[in-house]
Amino acid sequence: MTEYSFQSQHDKEDEMGTRFLALGLTLLGAQTLGAQTKLSGAGTCAKPDVAHTIAIGDRPNHSFTISQTRCRWTKPFAIAGLRSKGGTAVQSDELSDSTSQFHGYFLDIMSDGNQAHYRYVGTTALKDGAPQNATWNWLFVGGTGKLKGLRGSGGCRGTWIASGVSAWECTGSYQLPQ
């Protein structure tokens, strides 16, 4: 038995109206954000304060790590008149021979004490198990006080300059609700 689907003209009009409503709400939401503002900055992260590594056991040099580290800005981001000072990153890595895939969150304390919240994901090149350089993309996922509703994105590049210490440069853009 074959089923046929018939859609009346009224159903098509309702569907089209729903699509236009969704598009309109999307555009209205986009208009409530301010213009995008460019960012650039640089900083360092210390050797992790906390790091736990668990070998997976399927092959040599394959493990998961979760860590927490403190980072500071040497050239701060300027967001809505506030300067980023630095904060805490919590990160999960999957290490495998010459690379590490990672993702994490960074809580950045601003000059007025409020925070910018980032989510990030990236890749680190390893040599003999030691990190050499990394690239990652980040998203603002919120903030406190003046930065509530903060949105934006960007990318970073980093290298390891000493035993466990990394230096990095980041660029991107942000928007705040109007």
C-alpha atoms as a PDB file:
ATOM      1  CA  MET A   1       0.000   0.000   0.000  1.00  0.00           C
ATOM      2  CA  THR A   2       1.361   3.387  -0.948  1.00  0.00           C
ATOM      3  CA  GLU A   3       0.766   6.496   1.161  1.00  0.00           C
ATOM      4  CA  TYR A   4       0.462   9.892  -0.406  1.00  0.00           C
ATOM      5  CA  SER A   5       0.940  13.166   1.369  1.00  0.00           C
ATOM      6  CA  PHE A   6      -1.163  16.089   0.275  1.00  0.00           C
ATOM      7  CA  GLN A   7      -0.578  19.538   1.637  1.00  0.00           C
ATOM      8  CA  SER A   8      -3.363  22.088   1.307  1.00  0.00           C
ATOM      9  CA  GLN A   9      -2.747  25.685   0.269  1.00  0.00           C
ATOM     10  CA  HIS A  10      -3.680  26.730   3.827  1.00  0.00           C
ATOM     11  CA  ASP A  11      -1.028  24.379   5.302  1.00  0.00           C
ATOM     12  CA  LYS A  12       1.599  25.800   2.939  1.00  0.00           C
ATOM     13  CA  GLU A  13       0.692  29.361   3.958  1.00  0.00           C
ATOM     14  CA  ASP A  14       0.900  28.433   7.662  1.00  0.00           C
ATOM     15  CA  GLU A  15       4.308  26.810   7.109  1.00  0.00           C
ATOM     16  CA  MET A  16       5.593  29.860   5.211  1.00  0.00           C
ATOM     17  CA  GLY A  17       4.272  32.196   7.924  1.00  0.00           C
ATOM     18  CA  THR A  18       6.081  30.145  10.573  1.00  0.00           C
ATOM     19  CA  ARG A  19       9.340  30.336   8.609  1.00  0.00           C
ATOM     20  CA  PHE A  20       9.055  34.128   8.219  1.00  0.00           C
ATOM     21  CA  LEU A  21       8.292  34.469  11.938  1.00  0.00           C
ATOM     22  CA  ALA A  22      11.391  32.419  12.824  1.00  0.00           C
ATOM     23  CA  LEU A  23      13.529  34.478  10.433  1.00  0.00           C
ATOM     24  CA  GLY A  24      12.147  37.725  11.853  1.00  0.00           C
ATOM     25  CA  LEU A  25      12.838  36.662  15.442  1.00  0.00           C
ATOM     26  CA  THR A  26      16.376  35.655  14.474  1.00  0.00           C
ATOM     27  CA  LEU A  27      17.021  39.034  12.866  1.00  0.00           C
ATOM     28  CA  LEU A  28      15.449  40.853  15.808  1.00  0.00           C
ATOM     29  CA  GLY A  29      17.728  38.924  18.185  1.00  0.00           C
ATOM     30  CA  ALA A  30      20.752  39.853  16.104  1.00  0.00           C
ATOM     31  CA  GLN A  31      19.736  43.520  16.177  1.00  0.00           C
ATOM     32  CA  THR A  32      19.672  43.571  19.995  1.00  0.00           C
ATOM     33  CA  LEU A  33      23.435  42.956  20.016  1.00  0.00           C
ATOM     34  CA  GLY A  34      25.783  45.862  19.474  1.00  0.00           C
ATOM     35  CA  ALA A  35      28.295  46.107  16.658  1.00  0.00           C
ATOM     36  CA  GLN A  36      31.239  43.727  16.688  1.00  0.00           C
ATOM     37  CA  THR A  37      34.428  45.160  18.177  1.00  0.00           C
ATOM     38  CA  LYS A  38      37.856  43.743  17.279  1.00  0.00           C
ATOM     39  CA  LEU A  39      40.166  42.332  19.978  1.00  0.00           C
ATOM     40  CA  SER A  40      43.828  41.403  20.167  1.00  0.00           C
ATOM     41  CA  GLY A  41      45.945  40.414  23.117  1.00  0.00           C
ATOM     42  CA  ALA A  42      48.781  38.285  24.448  1.00  0.00           C
ATOM     43  CA  GLY A  43      49.583  36.472  27.648  1.00  0.00           C
ATOM     44  CA  THR A  44      51.157  33.552  29.441  1.00  0.00           C
ATOM     45  CA  CYS A  45      49.922  30.500  31.316  1.00  0.00           C
ATOM     46  CA  ALA A  46      51.871  28.898  34.146  1.00  0.00           C
ATOM     47  CA  LYS A  47      52.539  25.206  34.474  1.00  0.00           C
ATOM     48  CA  PRO A  48      49.225  23.621  35.579  1.00  0.00           C
ATOM     49  CA  ASP A  49      48.450  23.856  39.305  1.00  0.00           C
ATOM     50  CA  VAL A  50      46.475  20.628  39.087  1.00  0.00           C
ATOM     51  CA  ALA A  51      46.940  17.900  36.465  1.00  0.00           C
ATOM     52  CA  HIS A  52      45.651  14.333  36.430  1.00  0.00           C
ATOM     53  CA  THR A  53      46.644  11.967  33.618  1.00  0.00           C
ATOM     54  CA  ILE A  54      45.154   8.543  33.006  1.00  0.00           C
ATOM     55  CA  ALA A  55      46.642   6.159  30.437  1.00  0.00           C
ATOM     56  CA  ILE A  56      44.018   4.652  28.153  1.00  0.00           C
ATOM     57  CA  GLY A  57      45.995   1.429  27.711  1.00  0.00           C
ATOM     58  CA  ASP A  58      45.219   0.680  24.074  1.00  0.00           C
ATOM     59  CA  ARG A  59      48.666   1.803  22.854  1.00  0.00           C
ATOM     60  CA  PRO A  60      51.710   3.650  24.200  1.00  0.00           C
ATOM     61  CA  ASN A  61      51.470   7.439  24.715  1.00  0.00           C
ATOM     62  CA  HIS A  62      47.656   7.543  24.552  1.00  0.00           C
ATOM     63  CA  SER A  63      46.045   9.208  27.573  1.00  0.00           C
ATOM     64  CA  PHE A  64      43.505  11.681  28.898  1.00  0.00           C
ATOM     65  CA  THR A  65      44.494  14.612  31.087  1.00  0.00           C
ATOM     66  CA  ILE A  66      42.443  17.134  32.991  1.00  0.00           C
ATOM     67  CA  SER A  67      44.213  20.209  34.312  1.00  0.00           C
ATOM     68  CA  GLN A  68      43.753  23.614  35.890  1.00  0.00           C
ATOM     69  CA  THR A  69      46.141  26.500  35.330  1.00  0.00           C
ATOM     70  CA  ARG A  70      46.460  30.221  35.963  1.00  0.00           C
ATOM     71  CA  CYS A  71      46.913  32.585  33.025  1.00  0.00           C
ATOM     72  CA  ARG A  72      47.640  36.308  32.866  1.00  0.00           C
ATOM     73  CA  TRP A  73      47.477  38.890  30.105  1.00  0.00           C
ATOM     74  CA  THR A  74      50.677  40.731  29.140  1.00  0.00           C
ATOM     75  CA  LYS A  75      48.711  42.662  26.485  1.00  0.00           C
ATOM     76  CA  PRO A  76      45.106  42.611  27.757  1.00  0.00           C
ATOM     77  CA  PHE A  77      41.887  42.434  25.797  1.00  0.00           C
ATOM     78  CA  ALA A  78      39.874  45.656  26.112  1.00  0.00           C
ATOM     79  CA  ILE A  79      36.166  44.844  26.380  1.00  0.00           C
ATOM     80  CA  ALA A  80      33.592  47.609  26.920  1.00  0.00           C
ATOM     81  CA  GLY A  81      36.233  49.816  28.556  1.00  0.00           C
ATOM     82  CA  LEU A  82      37.471  47.028  30.856  1.00  0.00           C
ATOM     83  CA  ARG A  83      40.909  45.381  30.750  1.00  0.00           C
ATOM     84  CA  SER A  84      41.296  41.622  31.037  1.00  0.00           C
ATOM     85  CA  LYS A  85      43.680  40.687  33.861  1.00  0.00           C
ATOM     86  CA  GLY A  86      43.803  36.902  33.721  1.00  0.00           C
ATOM     87  CA  GLY A  87      42.172  33.979  35.405  1.00  0.00           C
ATOM     88  CA  THR A  88      41.787  30.233  35.561  1.00  0.00           C
ATOM     89  CA  ALA A  89      41.622  27.716  32.718  1.00  0.00           C
ATOM     90  CA  VAL A  90      40.231  24.210  33.204  1.00  0.00           C
ATOM     91  CA  GLN A  91      41.080  21.901  30.316  1.00  0.00           C
ATOM     92  CA  SER A  92      40.695  18.313  29.129  1.00  0.00           C
ATOM     93  CA  ASP A  93      43.251  16.816  26.694  1.00  0.00           C
ATOM     94  CA  GLU A  94      43.481  13.609  24.709  1.00  0.00           C
ATOM     95  CA  LEU A  95      47.181  12.983  24.076  1.00  0.00           C
ATOM     96  CA  SER A  96      48.333  10.605  21.365  1.00  0.00           C
ATOM     97  CA  ASP A  97      51.955  10.396  20.179  1.00  0.00           C
ATOM     98  CA  SER A  98      52.589  13.743  18.440  1.00  0.00           C
ATOM     99  CA  THR A  99      49.332  15.636  19.106  1.00  0.00           C
ATOM    100  CA  SER A 100      46.943  16.620  21.834  1.00  0.00           C
ATOM    101  CA  GLN A 101      43.318  17.531  21.149  1.00  0.00           C
ATOM    102  CA  PHE A 102      41.946  19.760  23.903  1.00  0.00           C
ATOM    103  CA  HIS A 103      38.923  21.725  25.023  1.00  0.00           C
ATOM    104  CA  GLY A 104      38.242  23.820  28.073  1.00  0.00           C
ATOM    105  CA  TYR A 105      36.853  26.896  29.775  1.00  0.00           C
ATOM    106  CA  PHE A 106      38.604  30.099  30.829  1.00  0.00           C
ATOM    107  CA  LEU A 107      37.212  32.482  33.452  1.00  0.00           C
ATOM    108  CA  ASP A 108      38.900  35.844  32.842  1.00  0.00           C
ATOM    109  CA  ILE A 109      38.810  38.433  35.643  1.00  0.00           C
ATOM    110  CA  MET A 110      38.389  41.981  34.372  1.00  0.00           C
ATOM    111  CA  SER A 111      39.748  45.253  35.794  1.00  0.00           C
ATOM    112  CA  ASP A 112      36.440  45.917  37.627  1.00  0.00           C
ATOM    113  CA  GLY A 113      36.299  42.403  39.153  1.00  0.00           C
ATOM    114  CA  ASN A 114      33.670  41.016  36.783  1.00  0.00           C
ATOM    115  CA  GLN A 115      34.372  38.026  34.540  1.00  0.00           C
ATOM    116  CA  ALA A 116      34.352  37.112  30.857  1.00  0.00           C
ATOM    117  CA  HIS A 117      33.658  33.408  30.218  1.00  0.00           C
ATOM    118  CA  TYR A 118      35.305  31.594  27.295  1.00  0.00           C
ATOM    119  CA  ARG A 119      34.947  28.100  25.856  1.00  0.00           C
ATOM    120  CA  TYR A 120      37.804  26.880  23.632  1.00  0.00           C
ATOM    121  CA  VAL A 121      38.959  23.918  21.539  1.00  0.00           C
ATOM    122  CA  GLY A 122      42.283  23.255  19.816  1.00  0.00           C
ATOM    123  CA  THR A 123      45.319  21.139  19.007  1.00  0.00           C
ATOM    124  CA  THR A 124      48.825  21.011  20.473  1.00  0.00           C
ATOM    125  CA  ALA A 125      51.840  19.613  18.615  1.00  0.00           C
ATOM    126  CA  LEU A 126      53.978  17.375  20.847  1.00  0.00           C
ATOM    127  CA  LYS A 127      57.612  16.306  20.527  1.00  0.00           C
ATOM    128  CA  ASP A 128      58.758  13.438  22.744  1.00  0.00           C
ATOM    129  CA  GLY A 129      55.615  14.028  24.821  1.00  0.00           C
ATOM    130  CA  ALA A 130      56.380  17.716  25.454  1.00  0.00           C
ATOM    131  CA  PRO A 131      54.137  20.494  24.086  1.00  0.00           C
ATOM    132  CA  GLN A 132      55.704  22.607  21.324  1.00  0.00           C
ATOM    133  CA  ASN A 133      52.973  24.862  19.896  1.00  0.00           C
ATOM    134  CA  ALA A 134      49.197  25.079  19.853  1.00  0.00           C
ATOM    135  CA  THR A 135      46.339  26.686  17.958  1.00  0.00           C
ATOM    136  CA  TRP A 136      42.800  27.028  19.234  1.00  0.00           C
ATOM    137  CA  ASN A 137      39.478  28.732  18.654  1.00  0.00           C
ATOM    138  CA  TRP A 138      37.485  30.347  21.432  1.00  0.00           C
ATOM    139  CA  LEU A 139      33.959  31.634  22.030  1.00  0.00           C
ATOM    140  CA  PHE A 140      32.685  34.069  24.618  1.00  0.00           C
ATOM    141  CA  VAL A 141      29.852  32.218  26.306  1.00  0.00           C
ATOM    142  CA  GLY A 142      28.894  34.884  28.835  1.00  0.00           C
ATOM    143  CA  GLY A 143      30.070  37.189  31.536  1.00  0.00           C
ATOM    144  CA  THR A 144      29.096  38.961  34.735  1.00  0.00           C
ATOM    145  CA  GLY A 145      28.129  42.559  35.487  1.00  0.00           C
ATOM    146  CA  LYS A 146      28.759  44.863  32.534  1.00  0.00           C
ATOM    147  CA  LEU A 147      29.696  41.787  30.445  1.00  0.00           C
ATOM    148  CA  LYS A 148      26.415  39.907  30.929  1.00  0.00           C
ATOM    149  CA  GLY A 149      25.322  38.610  27.507  1.00  0.00           C
ATOM    150  CA  LEU A 150      28.861  38.908  26.071  1.00  0.00           C
ATOM    151  CA  ARG A 151      29.249  37.033  22.763  1.00  0.00           C
ATOM    152  CA  GLY A 152      32.116  36.740  20.316  1.00  0.00           C
ATOM    153  CA  SER A 153      34.812  34.477  18.967  1.00  0.00           C
ATOM    154  CA  GLY A 154      38.406  34.317  17.851  1.00  0.00           C
ATOM    155  CA  GLY A 155      41.568  32.292  17.696  1.00  0.00           C
ATOM    156  CA  CYS A 156      44.929  31.956  19.434  1.00  0.00           C
ATOM    157  CA  ARG A 157      48.406  30.618  18.774  1.00  0.00           C
ATOM    158  CA  GLY A 158      50.795  29.612  21.514  1.00  0.00           C
ATOM    159  CA  THR A 159      54.254  28.197  22.169  1.00  0.00           C
ATOM    160  CA  TRP A 160      55.967  26.796  25.247  1.00  0.00           C
ATOM    161  CA  ILE A 161      58.764  29.086  26.402  1.00  0.00           C
ATOM    162  CA  ALA A 162      59.951  27.272  29.544  1.00  0.00           C
ATOM    163  CA  SER A 163      59.198  24.203  31.611  1.00  0.00           C
ATOM    164  CA  GLY A 164      55.408  24.068  31.391  1.00  0.00           C
ATOM    165  CA  VAL A 165      54.956  27.826  30.754  1.00  0.00           C
ATOM    166  CA  SER A 166      53.171  28.872  27.559  1.00  0.00           C
ATOM    167  CA  ALA A 167      53.003  32.226  25.768  1.00  0.00           C
ATOM    168  CA  TRP A 168      50.163  33.026  23.372  1.00  0.00           C
ATOM    169  CA  GLU A 169      48.603  35.671  21.142  1.00  0.00           C
ATOM    170  CA  CYS A 170      44.881  35.945  20.443  1.00  0.00           C
ATOM    171  CA  THR A 171      42.600  37.888  18.111  1.00  0.00           C
ATOM    172  CA  GLY A 172      38.850  38.016  17.724  1.00  0.00           C
ATOM    173  CA  SER A 173      35.781  40.169  18.140  1.00  0.00           C
ATOM    174  CA  TYR A 174      32.947  40.645  20.609  1.00  0.00           C
ATOM    175  CA  GLN A 175      29.421  42.007  20.928  1.00  0.00           C
ATOM    176  CA  LEU A 176      27.393  43.086  23.937  1.00  0.00           C
ATOM    177  CA  PRO A 177      23.616  43.475  24.094  1.00  0.00           C
ATOM    178  CA  GLN A 178      22.467  47.042  23.538  1.00  0.00           C
END
